[in-house]
Amino acid sequence: MKKLFGLILIIFFGIYSHAQSGCLPQFTENSFQLELKKIKDQDFDQAKKEAIEILLNKCITSLQLKKLLQELSFEEDKLELAKKAFKTVSDPNTFGIIKDVFDFEDTKKEIDLLIK
């Protein structure tokens, strides 16, 4: 009985971690590359930030989020979007890869706290 209960818990938490946001990887790489190019073509960070916020409604991966955040100049904007995206990325278990886009250790620690 204990083994069955343990198995049910493992399955439940496995499903929960993969479906944290209720989405599956549906944003194809081709679609992502087109959107990334549009963002790169923007002249101002505010326009880039707004375009990225719209993409957070899609089912993006942590790697795709990392690439998007690299287009922004300001640490504060990157952190704000990262916090919003954590709830919606399709692979929250690899979210830590975005820490590379941050320059300050305090910001990286905030990401670590978000993940835990």
N, C-alpha and C. Protein backbone atom coordinates (compact mmCIF):
# COMPACT_ATOMS: atom_id res chain seq x y z
N MET A 1 0.82 -1.19 0.00
CA MET A 1 0.00 0.00 0.00
C MET A 1 0.87 1.26 0.00
N LYS A 2 1.96 1.24 0.80
CA LYS A 2 2.86 2.39 0.85
C LYS A 2 3.52 2.62 -0.50
N LYS A 3 3.87 1.52 -1.18
CA LYS A 3 4.51 1.65 -2.49
C LYS A 3 3.55 2.27 -3.49
N LEU A 4 2.29 1.86 -3.44
CA LEU A 4 1.29 2.41 -4.35
C LEU A 4 1.09 3.89 -4.09
N PHE A 5 1.00 4.26 -2.82
CA PHE A 5 0.84 5.67 -2.46
C PHE A 5 2.06 6.48 -2.92
N GLY A 6 3.24 5.94 -2.73
CA GLY A 6 4.47 6.60 -3.17
C GLY A 6 4.49 6.78 -4.68
N LEU A 7 4.07 5.77 -5.41
CA LEU A 7 4.02 5.85 -6.86
C LEU A 7 3.03 6.91 -7.31
N ILE A 8 1.90 6.98 -6.66
CA ILE A 8 0.90 7.99 -7.00
C ILE A 8 1.46 9.39 -6.76
N LEU A 9 2.16 9.58 -5.66
CA LEU A 9 2.77 10.88 -5.38
C LEU A 9 3.81 11.25 -6.43
N ILE A 10 4.64 10.28 -6.81
CA ILE A 10 5.66 10.55 -7.82
C ILE A 10 5.01 10.95 -9.14
N ILE A 11 4.00 10.24 -9.54
CA ILE A 11 3.30 10.55 -10.79
C ILE A 11 2.66 11.93 -10.70
N PHE A 12 2.00 12.21 -9.58
CA PHE A 12 1.34 13.50 -9.41
C PHE A 12 2.32 14.65 -9.51
N PHE A 13 3.43 14.56 -8.78
CA PHE A 13 4.40 15.65 -8.79
C PHE A 13 5.13 15.74 -10.13
N GLY A 14 5.31 14.64 -10.81
CA GLY A 14 5.90 14.67 -12.14
C GLY A 14 5.00 15.38 -13.12
N ILE A 15 3.73 15.09 -13.07
CA ILE A 15 2.77 15.77 -13.94
C ILE A 15 2.70 17.24 -13.58
N TYR A 16 2.68 17.55 -12.29
CA TYR A 16 2.60 18.93 -11.85
C TYR A 16 3.79 19.74 -12.34
N SER A 17 4.99 19.17 -12.25
CA SER A 17 6.17 19.94 -12.64
C SER A 17 6.22 20.16 -14.14
N HIS A 18 5.76 19.20 -14.93
CA HIS A 18 5.75 19.38 -16.38
C HIS A 18 4.60 20.25 -16.84
N ALA A 19 3.53 20.23 -16.11
CA ALA A 19 2.35 20.99 -16.52
C ALA A 19 2.09 22.15 -15.57
N GLN A 20 3.18 22.68 -15.04
CA GLN A 20 3.06 23.77 -14.09
C GLN A 20 2.20 24.89 -14.67
N SER A 21 2.42 25.19 -15.92
CA SER A 21 1.68 26.29 -16.53
C SER A 21 0.49 25.79 -17.34
N GLY A 22 0.30 24.50 -17.40
CA GLY A 22 -0.81 23.97 -18.16
C GLY A 22 -0.56 23.95 -19.65
N CYS A 23 0.70 24.09 -20.06
CA CYS A 23 0.97 24.09 -21.50
C CYS A 23 2.03 23.06 -21.83
N LEU A 24 2.06 22.69 -23.04
CA LEU A 24 3.08 21.81 -23.57
C LEU A 24 3.89 22.61 -24.58
N PRO A 25 5.09 22.21 -24.91
CA PRO A 25 5.86 22.97 -25.91
C PRO A 25 5.12 23.05 -27.25
N GLN A 26 4.48 24.16 -27.48
CA GLN A 26 3.69 24.33 -28.70
C GLN A 26 4.23 25.44 -29.59
N PHE A 27 5.13 26.24 -29.07
CA PHE A 27 5.69 27.36 -29.83
C PHE A 27 6.88 26.82 -30.62
N THR A 28 6.68 26.60 -31.90
CA THR A 28 7.71 25.97 -32.72
C THR A 28 8.94 26.86 -32.83
N GLU A 29 10.06 26.24 -33.13
CA GLU A 29 11.31 27.00 -33.25
C GLU A 29 11.24 28.00 -34.40
N ASN A 30 10.60 27.64 -35.50
CA ASN A 30 10.46 28.57 -36.62
C ASN A 30 9.65 29.79 -36.21
N SER A 31 8.55 29.58 -35.54
CA SER A 31 7.72 30.70 -35.07
C SER A 31 8.51 31.56 -34.09
N PHE A 32 9.23 30.90 -33.21
CA PHE A 32 10.02 31.64 -32.24
C PHE A 32 11.08 32.50 -32.93
N GLN A 33 11.77 31.94 -33.91
CA GLN A 33 12.81 32.69 -34.61
C GLN A 33 12.24 33.92 -35.32
N LEU A 34 11.05 33.78 -35.88
CA LEU A 34 10.40 34.93 -36.52
C LEU A 34 10.10 36.03 -35.50
N GLU A 35 9.58 35.64 -34.35
CA GLU A 35 9.27 36.61 -33.30
C GLU A 35 10.55 37.24 -32.74
N LEU A 36 11.59 36.44 -32.58
CA LEU A 36 12.85 36.95 -32.08
C LEU A 36 13.44 37.98 -33.04
N LYS A 37 13.32 37.73 -34.31
CA LYS A 37 13.83 38.69 -35.31
C LYS A 37 13.06 40.01 -35.21
N LYS A 38 11.74 39.93 -35.03
CA LYS A 38 10.94 41.15 -34.88
C LYS A 38 11.40 41.94 -33.66
N ILE A 39 11.70 41.24 -32.59
CA ILE A 39 12.15 41.91 -31.37
C ILE A 39 13.52 42.55 -31.58
N LYS A 40 14.41 41.83 -32.24
CA LYS A 40 15.74 42.38 -32.52
C LYS A 40 15.66 43.63 -33.39
N ASP A 41 14.67 43.70 -34.24
CA ASP A 41 14.51 44.84 -35.14
C ASP A 41 13.98 46.09 -34.43
N GLN A 42 13.48 45.93 -33.22
CA GLN A 42 12.98 47.07 -32.45
C GLN A 42 14.15 47.96 -32.03
N ASP A 43 13.93 49.27 -32.02
CA ASP A 43 14.99 50.20 -31.66
C ASP A 43 15.09 50.47 -30.16
N PHE A 44 13.98 50.35 -29.46
CA PHE A 44 13.96 50.73 -28.05
C PHE A 44 13.64 49.54 -27.15
N ASP A 45 14.26 49.56 -25.98
CA ASP A 45 14.05 48.48 -25.02
C ASP A 45 12.59 48.34 -24.60
N GLN A 46 11.90 49.47 -24.46
CA GLN A 46 10.50 49.40 -24.03
C GLN A 46 9.66 48.63 -25.04
N ALA A 47 9.91 48.85 -26.33
CA ALA A 47 9.18 48.12 -27.37
C ALA A 47 9.54 46.63 -27.33
N LYS A 48 10.79 46.33 -27.09
CA LYS A 48 11.22 44.93 -26.99
C LYS A 48 10.55 44.26 -25.80
N LYS A 49 10.54 44.98 -24.68
CA LYS A 49 9.93 44.43 -23.47
C LYS A 49 8.45 44.13 -23.68
N GLU A 50 7.74 45.05 -24.31
CA GLU A 50 6.31 44.84 -24.58
C GLU A 50 6.09 43.65 -25.50
N ALA A 51 6.92 43.50 -26.51
CA ALA A 51 6.79 42.36 -27.43
C ALA A 51 7.07 41.04 -26.71
N ILE A 52 8.05 41.06 -25.83
CA ILE A 52 8.37 39.84 -25.07
C ILE A 52 7.22 39.49 -24.14
N GLU A 53 6.62 40.49 -23.50
CA GLU A 53 5.49 40.23 -22.61
C GLU A 53 4.35 39.54 -23.34
N ILE A 54 4.13 39.90 -24.57
CA ILE A 54 3.09 39.24 -25.37
C ILE A 54 3.45 37.78 -25.60
N LEU A 55 4.73 37.51 -25.84
CA LEU A 55 5.16 36.13 -26.08
C LEU A 55 5.06 35.26 -24.84
N LEU A 56 5.03 35.87 -23.66
CA LEU A 56 4.90 35.09 -22.44
C LEU A 56 3.56 34.39 -22.36
N ASN A 57 2.61 34.81 -23.17
CA ASN A 57 1.31 34.14 -23.22
C ASN A 57 1.37 32.86 -24.04
N LYS A 58 2.45 32.71 -24.79
CA LYS A 58 2.63 31.48 -25.57
C LYS A 58 3.39 30.49 -24.71
N CYS A 59 3.49 29.31 -25.17
CA CYS A 59 4.14 28.24 -24.42
C CYS A 59 5.61 28.18 -24.81
N ILE A 60 6.43 29.06 -24.19
CA ILE A 60 7.84 29.11 -24.55
C ILE A 60 8.66 28.25 -23.58
N THR A 61 9.84 27.89 -24.03
CA THR A 61 10.76 27.11 -23.19
C THR A 61 11.68 28.07 -22.43
N SER A 62 12.38 27.55 -21.46
CA SER A 62 13.34 28.36 -20.72
C SER A 62 14.46 28.87 -21.62
N LEU A 63 14.89 28.05 -22.55
CA LEU A 63 15.93 28.48 -23.49
C LEU A 63 15.43 29.62 -24.38
N GLN A 64 14.19 29.52 -24.85
CA GLN A 64 13.63 30.60 -25.64
C GLN A 64 13.53 31.88 -24.82
N LEU A 65 13.12 31.75 -23.56
CA LEU A 65 13.05 32.91 -22.69
C LEU A 65 14.43 33.54 -22.52
N LYS A 66 15.45 32.71 -22.35
CA LYS A 66 16.81 33.22 -22.22
C LYS A 66 17.20 34.06 -23.43
N LYS A 67 16.90 33.55 -24.60
CA LYS A 67 17.23 34.28 -25.83
C LYS A 67 16.47 35.61 -25.90
N LEU A 68 15.24 35.61 -25.45
CA LEU A 68 14.45 36.85 -25.45
C LEU A 68 15.03 37.86 -24.46
N LEU A 69 15.37 37.40 -23.27
CA LEU A 69 15.90 38.30 -22.25
C LEU A 69 17.24 38.89 -22.65
N GLN A 70 18.00 38.18 -23.45
CA GLN A 70 19.29 38.68 -23.91
C GLN A 70 19.15 39.92 -24.78
N GLU A 71 17.97 40.15 -25.30
CA GLU A 71 17.73 41.32 -26.16
C GLU A 71 17.49 42.60 -25.36
N LEU A 72 17.31 42.46 -24.05
CA LEU A 72 17.05 43.63 -23.21
C LEU A 72 18.34 44.14 -22.59
N SER A 73 18.38 45.44 -22.33
CA SER A 73 19.57 46.07 -21.77
C SER A 73 19.54 46.16 -20.25
N PHE A 74 18.35 46.31 -19.69
CA PHE A 74 18.24 46.62 -18.27
C PHE A 74 17.93 45.39 -17.43
N GLU A 75 18.74 45.21 -16.40
CA GLU A 75 18.60 44.08 -15.49
C GLU A 75 17.21 44.03 -14.86
N GLU A 76 16.70 45.18 -14.49
CA GLU A 76 15.39 45.27 -13.85
C GLU A 76 14.28 44.74 -14.77
N ASP A 77 14.35 45.09 -16.04
CA ASP A 77 13.35 44.61 -17.01
C ASP A 77 13.46 43.10 -17.20
N LYS A 78 14.69 42.62 -17.28
CA LYS A 78 14.91 41.18 -17.45
C LYS A 78 14.32 40.41 -16.26
N LEU A 79 14.58 40.91 -15.05
CA LEU A 79 14.10 40.24 -13.85
C LEU A 79 12.58 40.25 -13.78
N GLU A 80 11.99 41.38 -14.11
CA GLU A 80 10.53 41.47 -14.10
C GLU A 80 9.90 40.45 -15.03
N LEU A 81 10.43 40.35 -16.24
CA LEU A 81 9.88 39.40 -17.21
C LEU A 81 10.17 37.96 -16.81
N ALA A 82 11.34 37.73 -16.23
CA ALA A 82 11.68 36.37 -15.79
C ALA A 82 10.70 35.90 -14.72
N LYS A 83 10.36 36.78 -13.79
CA LYS A 83 9.42 36.42 -12.73
C LYS A 83 8.05 36.09 -13.31
N LYS A 84 7.62 36.86 -14.29
CA LYS A 84 6.34 36.59 -14.93
C LYS A 84 6.38 35.27 -15.70
N ALA A 85 7.50 35.03 -16.36
CA ALA A 85 7.62 33.85 -17.23
C ALA A 85 7.73 32.55 -16.45
N PHE A 86 8.22 32.61 -15.23
CA PHE A 86 8.42 31.37 -14.47
C PHE A 86 7.14 30.56 -14.36
N LYS A 87 6.02 31.23 -14.27
CA LYS A 87 4.74 30.55 -14.12
C LYS A 87 4.23 29.97 -15.44
N THR A 88 4.82 30.39 -16.54
CA THR A 88 4.26 29.98 -17.83
C THR A 88 5.20 29.17 -18.72
N VAL A 89 6.47 29.06 -18.38
CA VAL A 89 7.37 28.30 -19.26
C VAL A 89 6.97 26.83 -19.27
N SER A 90 7.23 26.21 -20.39
CA SER A 90 6.84 24.80 -20.54
C SER A 90 7.77 23.84 -19.81
N ASP A 91 8.95 24.32 -19.45
CA ASP A 91 9.94 23.45 -18.80
C ASP A 91 10.54 24.14 -17.57
N PRO A 92 9.76 24.32 -16.52
CA PRO A 92 10.25 25.05 -15.34
C PRO A 92 11.45 24.38 -14.67
N ASN A 93 11.65 23.10 -14.91
CA ASN A 93 12.78 22.39 -14.30
C ASN A 93 14.13 22.85 -14.86
N THR A 94 14.15 23.52 -16.01
CA THR A 94 15.40 24.03 -16.58
C THR A 94 15.47 25.56 -16.53
N PHE A 95 14.61 26.17 -15.74
CA PHE A 95 14.52 27.62 -15.68
C PHE A 95 15.83 28.28 -15.26
N GLY A 96 16.66 27.59 -14.52
CA GLY A 96 17.91 28.14 -14.04
C GLY A 96 18.87 28.61 -15.14
N ILE A 97 18.67 28.14 -16.35
CA ILE A 97 19.58 28.54 -17.44
C ILE A 97 19.49 30.02 -17.75
N ILE A 98 18.42 30.67 -17.34
CA ILE A 98 18.28 32.10 -17.65
C ILE A 98 19.21 32.96 -16.79
N LYS A 99 19.77 32.40 -15.73
CA LYS A 99 20.64 33.21 -14.86
C LYS A 99 21.83 33.79 -15.62
N ASP A 100 22.21 33.17 -16.72
CA ASP A 100 23.34 33.64 -17.51
C ASP A 100 23.12 35.04 -18.08
N VAL A 101 21.87 35.47 -18.23
CA VAL A 101 21.60 36.78 -18.83
C VAL A 101 21.71 37.91 -17.82
N PHE A 102 21.89 37.57 -16.55
CA PHE A 102 21.97 38.59 -15.51
C PHE A 102 23.42 38.87 -15.15
N ASP A 103 23.70 40.12 -14.84
CA ASP A 103 25.05 40.54 -14.50
C ASP A 103 25.32 40.53 -12.99
N PHE A 104 24.29 40.77 -12.19
CA PHE A 104 24.48 40.95 -10.76
C PHE A 104 24.11 39.70 -9.97
N GLU A 105 24.94 39.41 -8.98
CA GLU A 105 24.71 38.22 -8.15
C GLU A 105 23.39 38.29 -7.39
N ASP A 106 23.01 39.50 -6.96
CA ASP A 106 21.74 39.64 -6.24
C ASP A 106 20.56 39.21 -7.11
N THR A 107 20.62 39.55 -8.37
CA THR A 107 19.55 39.16 -9.29
C THR A 107 19.54 37.65 -9.49
N LYS A 108 20.70 37.07 -9.62
CA LYS A 108 20.80 35.62 -9.78
C LYS A 108 20.25 34.90 -8.55
N LYS A 109 20.49 35.48 -7.38
CA LYS A 109 19.95 34.90 -6.15
C LYS A 109 18.43 34.97 -6.13
N GLU A 110 17.88 36.07 -6.66
CA GLU A 110 16.41 36.17 -6.75
C GLU A 110 15.84 35.08 -7.64
N ILE A 111 16.53 34.77 -8.71
CA ILE A 111 16.08 33.68 -9.60
C ILE A 111 16.15 32.36 -8.85
N ASP A 112 17.23 32.14 -8.10
CA ASP A 112 17.35 30.90 -7.32
C ASP A 112 16.20 30.77 -6.32
N LEU A 113 15.84 31.87 -5.67
CA LEU A 113 14.73 31.83 -4.71
C LEU A 113 13.41 31.55 -5.41
N LEU A 114 13.26 32.08 -6.61
CA LEU A 114 12.04 31.84 -7.38
C LEU A 114 11.90 30.37 -7.75
N ILE A 115 13.01 29.75 -8.11
CA ILE A 115 13.00 28.36 -8.51
C ILE A 115 12.67 27.42 -7.34
N LYS A 116 13.15 27.78 -6.16
CA LYS A 116 12.95 26.90 -4.99
C LYS A 116 11.58 26.95 -4.49
